[in-house]
Amino acid sequence: MKNIKKYIKKKLSKLYRGIYWIYVYVSCKRTQNIRDSRRKHKSFVYIINGL
């Protein structure tokens, strides 16, 4: 049972990393303000860590 949970978590983290990089790319394209997008990325990381 524990191994299955670990496997699912590994798969999910890979998926979220992919989503995260897409999010980073899109937000960087949309806003040229790097400081603002960095703040957004930090909050996004907190959301991922909460899952």
PDB file of N, CA and C in Angstrom:
ATOM      1  N   MET A   1       0.824  -1.204   0.000  1.00  0.00           N
ATOM      2  CA  MET A   1       0.000   0.000   0.000  1.00  0.00           C
ATOM      3  C   MET A   1       0.861   1.258   0.000  1.00  0.00           C
ATOM      4  N   LYS A   2       1.897   1.264   0.823  1.00  0.00           N
ATOM      5  CA  LYS A   2       2.781   2.443   0.891  1.00  0.00           C
ATOM      6  C   LYS A   2       3.490   2.679  -0.436  1.00  0.00           C
ATOM      7  N   ASN A   3       3.912   1.599  -1.079  1.00  0.00           N
ATOM      8  CA  ASN A   3       4.608   1.738  -2.367  1.00  0.00           C
ATOM      9  C   ASN A   3       3.712   2.361  -3.423  1.00  0.00           C
ATOM     10  N   ILE A   4       2.436   1.987  -3.406  1.00  0.00           N
ATOM     11  CA  ILE A   4       1.486   2.533  -4.375  1.00  0.00           C
ATOM     12  C   ILE A   4       1.340   4.035  -4.156  1.00  0.00           C
ATOM     13  N   LYS A   5       1.218   4.427  -2.888  1.00  0.00           N
ATOM     14  CA  LYS A   5       1.096   5.856  -2.561  1.00  0.00           C
ATOM     15  C   LYS A   5       2.330   6.621  -3.015  1.00  0.00           C
ATOM     16  N   LYS A   6       3.499   6.051  -2.787  1.00  0.00           N
ATOM     17  CA  LYS A   6       4.757   6.699  -3.215  1.00  0.00           C
ATOM     18  C   LYS A   6       4.778   6.870  -4.722  1.00  0.00           C
ATOM     19  N   TYR A   7       4.353   5.805  -5.431  1.00  0.00           N
ATOM     20  CA  TYR A   7       4.337   5.827  -6.895  1.00  0.00           C
ATOM     21  C   TYR A   7       3.403   6.924  -7.397  1.00  0.00           C
ATOM     22  N   ILE A   8       2.212   7.003  -6.822  1.00  0.00           N
ATOM     23  CA  ILE A   8       1.222   8.015  -7.226  1.00  0.00           C
ATOM     24  C   ILE A   8       1.771   9.409  -6.960  1.00  0.00           C
ATOM     25  N   LYS A   9       2.396   9.586  -5.778  1.00  0.00           N
ATOM     26  CA  LYS A   9       2.955  10.895  -5.436  1.00  0.00           C
ATOM     27  C   LYS A   9       4.040  11.297  -6.413  1.00  0.00           C
ATOM     28  N   LYS A  10       4.879  10.342  -6.815  1.00  0.00           N
ATOM     29  CA  LYS A  10       5.949  10.617  -7.774  1.00  0.00           C
ATOM     30  C   LYS A  10       5.362  11.055  -9.112  1.00  0.00           C
ATOM     31  N   LYS A  11       4.336  10.337  -9.552  1.00  0.00           N
ATOM     32  CA  LYS A  11       3.677  10.661 -10.816  1.00  0.00           C
ATOM     33  C   LYS A  11       3.040  12.048 -10.732  1.00  0.00           C
ATOM     34  N   LEU A  12       2.366  12.334  -9.630  1.00  0.00           N
ATOM     35  CA  LEU A  12       1.698  13.627  -9.447  1.00  0.00           C
ATOM     36  C   LEU A  12       2.704  14.758  -9.419  1.00  0.00           C
ATOM     37  N   SER A  13       3.821  14.546  -8.731  1.00  0.00           N
ATOM     38  CA  SER A  13       4.815  15.614  -8.644  1.00  0.00           C
ATOM     39  C   SER A  13       5.381  15.931 -10.026  1.00  0.00           C
ATOM     40  N   LYS A  14       5.550  14.900 -10.857  1.00  0.00           N
ATOM     41  CA  LYS A  14       6.020  15.128 -12.225  1.00  0.00           C
ATOM     42  C   LYS A  14       4.998  15.917 -13.020  1.00  0.00           C
ATOM     43  N   LEU A  15       3.733  15.556 -12.851  1.00  0.00           N
ATOM     44  CA  LEU A  15       2.651  16.251 -13.537  1.00  0.00           C
ATOM     45  C   LEU A  15       2.591  17.707 -13.103  1.00  0.00           C
ATOM     46  N   TYR A  16       2.679  17.931 -11.794  1.00  0.00           N
ATOM     47  CA  TYR A  16       2.609  19.297 -11.277  1.00  0.00           C
ATOM     48  C   TYR A  16       3.807  20.117 -11.698  1.00  0.00           C
ATOM     49  N   ARG A  17       4.967  19.474 -11.811  1.00  0.00           N
ATOM     50  CA  ARG A  17       6.154  20.190 -12.269  1.00  0.00           C
ATOM     51  C   ARG A  17       5.933  20.667 -13.704  1.00  0.00           C
ATOM     52  N   GLY A  18       5.348  19.823 -14.519  1.00  0.00           N
ATOM     53  CA  GLY A  18       5.040  20.183 -15.905  1.00  0.00           C
ATOM     54  C   GLY A  18       4.077  21.346 -15.978  1.00  0.00           C
ATOM     55  N   ILE A  19       3.008  21.254 -15.150  1.00  0.00           N
ATOM     56  CA  ILE A  19       2.017  22.337 -15.096  1.00  0.00           C
ATOM     57  C   ILE A  19       2.688  23.614 -14.609  1.00  0.00           C
ATOM     58  N   TYR A  20       3.552  23.479 -13.604  1.00  0.00           N
ATOM     59  CA  TYR A  20       4.247  24.632 -13.023  1.00  0.00           C
ATOM     60  C   TYR A  20       5.083  25.357 -14.074  1.00  0.00           C
ATOM     61  N   TRP A  21       5.841  24.597 -14.868  1.00  0.00           N
ATOM     62  CA  TRP A  21       6.696  25.235 -15.870  1.00  0.00           C
ATOM     63  C   TRP A  21       5.887  25.911 -16.962  1.00  0.00           C
ATOM     64  N   ILE A  22       4.741  25.306 -17.306  1.00  0.00           N
ATOM     65  CA  ILE A  22       3.843  25.945 -18.285  1.00  0.00           C
ATOM     66  C   ILE A  22       3.340  27.265 -17.704  1.00  0.00           C
ATOM     67  N   TYR A  23       2.952  27.205 -16.421  1.00  0.00           N
ATOM     68  CA  TYR A  23       2.458  28.399 -15.710  1.00  0.00           C
ATOM     69  C   TYR A  23       3.524  29.486 -15.671  1.00  0.00           C
ATOM     70  N   VAL A  24       4.746  29.089 -15.353  1.00  0.00           N
ATOM     71  CA  VAL A  24       5.865  30.034 -15.299  1.00  0.00           C
ATOM     72  C   VAL A  24       6.061  30.685 -16.667  1.00  0.00           C
ATOM     73  N   TYR A  25       6.085  29.855 -17.692  1.00  0.00           N
ATOM     74  CA  TYR A  25       6.306  30.344 -19.060  1.00  0.00           C
ATOM     75  C   TYR A  25       5.219  31.331 -19.465  1.00  0.00           C
ATOM     76  N   VAL A  26       3.967  30.966 -19.227  1.00  0.00           N
ATOM     77  CA  VAL A  26       2.835  31.812 -19.611  1.00  0.00           C
ATOM     78  C   VAL A  26       2.857  33.131 -18.859  1.00  0.00           C
ATOM     79  N   SER A  27       3.098  33.053 -17.542  1.00  0.00           N
ATOM     80  CA  SER A  27       3.080  34.283 -16.741  1.00  0.00           C
ATOM     81  C   SER A  27       4.262  35.189 -17.086  1.00  0.00           C
ATOM     82  N   CYS A  28       5.393  34.600 -17.470  1.00  0.00           N
ATOM     83  CA  CYS A  28       6.547  35.399 -17.886  1.00  0.00           C
ATOM     84  C   CYS A  28       6.248  36.082 -19.228  1.00  0.00           C
ATOM     85  N   LYS A  29       5.561  35.379 -20.104  1.00  0.00           N
ATOM     86  CA  LYS A  29       5.190  35.939 -21.395  1.00  0.00           C
ATOM     87  C   LYS A  29       4.202  37.091 -21.201  1.00  0.00           C
ATOM     88  N   ARG A  30       3.250  36.848 -20.292  1.00  0.00           N
ATOM     89  CA  ARG A  30       2.184  37.819 -20.089  1.00  0.00           C
ATOM     90  C   ARG A  30       2.713  39.071 -19.400  1.00  0.00           C
ATOM     91  N   THR A  31       3.501  38.888 -18.342  1.00  0.00           N
ATOM     92  CA  THR A  31       4.002  40.050 -17.602  1.00  0.00           C
ATOM     93  C   THR A  31       5.511  40.150 -17.730  1.00  0.00           C
ATOM     94  N   GLN A  32       5.968  41.311 -18.106  1.00  0.00           N
ATOM     95  CA  GLN A  32       7.406  41.543 -18.206  1.00  0.00           C
ATOM     96  C   GLN A  32       7.982  41.895 -16.835  1.00  0.00           C
ATOM     97  N   ASN A  33       7.086  42.126 -15.875  1.00  0.00           N
ATOM     98  CA  ASN A  33       7.524  42.464 -14.526  1.00  0.00           C
ATOM     99  C   ASN A  33       7.967  41.188 -13.812  1.00  0.00           C
ATOM    100  N   ILE A  34       9.267  40.967 -13.746  1.00  0.00           N
ATOM    101  CA  ILE A  34       9.825  39.728 -13.197  1.00  0.00           C
ATOM    102  C   ILE A  34       9.523  39.604 -11.701  1.00  0.00           C
ATOM    103  N   ARG A  35       9.613  40.712 -10.991  1.00  0.00           N
ATOM    104  CA  ARG A  35       9.398  40.671  -9.537  1.00  0.00           C
ATOM    105  C   ARG A  35       7.975  40.199  -9.221  1.00  0.00           C
ATOM    106  N   ASP A  36       7.020  40.695 -10.010  1.00  0.00           N
ATOM    107  CA  ASP A  36       5.621  40.330  -9.816  1.00  0.00           C
ATOM    108  C   ASP A  36       5.401  38.845 -10.110  1.00  0.00           C
ATOM    109  N   SER A  37       5.974  38.356 -11.206  1.00  0.00           N
ATOM    110  CA  SER A  37       5.786  36.964 -11.573  1.00  0.00           C
ATOM    111  C   SER A  37       6.478  36.026 -10.576  1.00  0.00           C
ATOM    112  N   ARG A  38       7.592  36.481  -9.997  1.00  0.00           N
ATOM    113  CA  ARG A  38       8.275  35.678  -8.983  1.00  0.00           C
ATOM    114  C   ARG A  38       7.385  35.470  -7.761  1.00  0.00           C
ATOM    115  N   ARG A  39       6.685  36.532  -7.377  1.00  0.00           N
ATOM    116  CA  ARG A  39       5.779  36.442  -6.229  1.00  0.00           C
ATOM    117  C   ARG A  39       4.673  35.432  -6.525  1.00  0.00           C
ATOM    118  N   LYS A  40       4.180  35.464  -7.743  1.00  0.00           N
ATOM    119  CA  LYS A  40       3.145  34.522  -8.169  1.00  0.00           C
ATOM    120  C   LYS A  40       3.672  33.086  -8.111  1.00  0.00           C
ATOM    121  N   HIS A  41       4.877  32.890  -8.561  1.00  0.00           N
ATOM    122  CA  HIS A  41       5.464  31.557  -8.588  1.00  0.00           C
ATOM    123  C   HIS A  41       5.607  31.000  -7.175  1.00  0.00           C
ATOM    124  N   LYS A  42       5.998  31.875  -6.237  1.00  0.00           N
ATOM    125  CA  LYS A  42       6.149  31.449  -4.852  1.00  0.00           C
ATOM    126  C   LYS A  42       4.834  30.950  -4.292  1.00  0.00           C
ATOM    127  N   SER A  43       3.761  31.686  -4.535  1.00  0.00           N
ATOM    128  CA  SER A  43       2.450  31.286  -4.034  1.00  0.00           C
ATOM    129  C   SER A  43       2.010  29.980  -4.709  1.00  0.00           C
ATOM    130  N   PHE A  44       2.366  29.812  -5.974  1.00  0.00           N
ATOM    131  CA  PHE A  44       2.021  28.589  -6.705  1.00  0.00           C
ATOM    132  C   PHE A  44       2.744  27.387  -6.101  1.00  0.00           C
ATOM    133  N   VAL A  45       4.003  27.592  -5.711  1.00  0.00           N
ATOM    134  CA  VAL A  45       4.790  26.519  -5.076  1.00  0.00           C
ATOM    135  C   VAL A  45       4.159  26.123  -3.750  1.00  0.00           C
ATOM    136  N   TYR A  46       3.702  27.117  -2.996  1.00  0.00           N
ATOM    137  CA  TYR A  46       3.040  26.832  -1.719  1.00  0.00           C
ATOM    138  C   TYR A  46       1.776  26.001  -1.940  1.00  0.00           C
ATOM    139  N   ILE A  47       1.037  26.309  -2.991  1.00  0.00           N
ATOM    140  CA  ILE A  47      -0.183  25.553  -3.313  1.00  0.00           C
ATOM    141  C   ILE A  47       0.179  24.103  -3.619  1.00  0.00           C
ATOM    142  N   ILE A  48       1.227  23.884  -4.413  1.00  0.00           N
ATOM    143  CA  ILE A  48       1.662  22.537  -4.780  1.00  0.00           C
ATOM    144  C   ILE A  48       2.108  21.770  -3.535  1.00  0.00           C
ATOM    145  N   ASN A  49       2.884  22.431  -2.667  1.00  0.00           N
ATOM    146  CA  ASN A  49       3.356  21.777  -1.454  1.00  0.00           C
ATOM    147  C   ASN A  49       2.210  21.404  -0.524  1.00  0.00           C
ATOM    148  N   GLY A  50       1.126  22.182  -0.582  1.00  0.00           N
ATOM    149  CA  GLY A  50      -0.042  21.894   0.244  1.00  0.00           C
ATOM    150  C   GLY A  50      -0.802  20.653  -0.207  1.00  0.00           C
ATOM    151  N   LEU A  51      -0.633  20.266  -1.479  1.00  0.00           N
ATOM    152  CA  LEU A  51      -1.362  19.104  -2.015  1.00  0.00           C
ATOM    153  C   LEU A  51      -0.786  17.788  -1.539  1.00  0.00           C
TER     154      LEU A  51
END
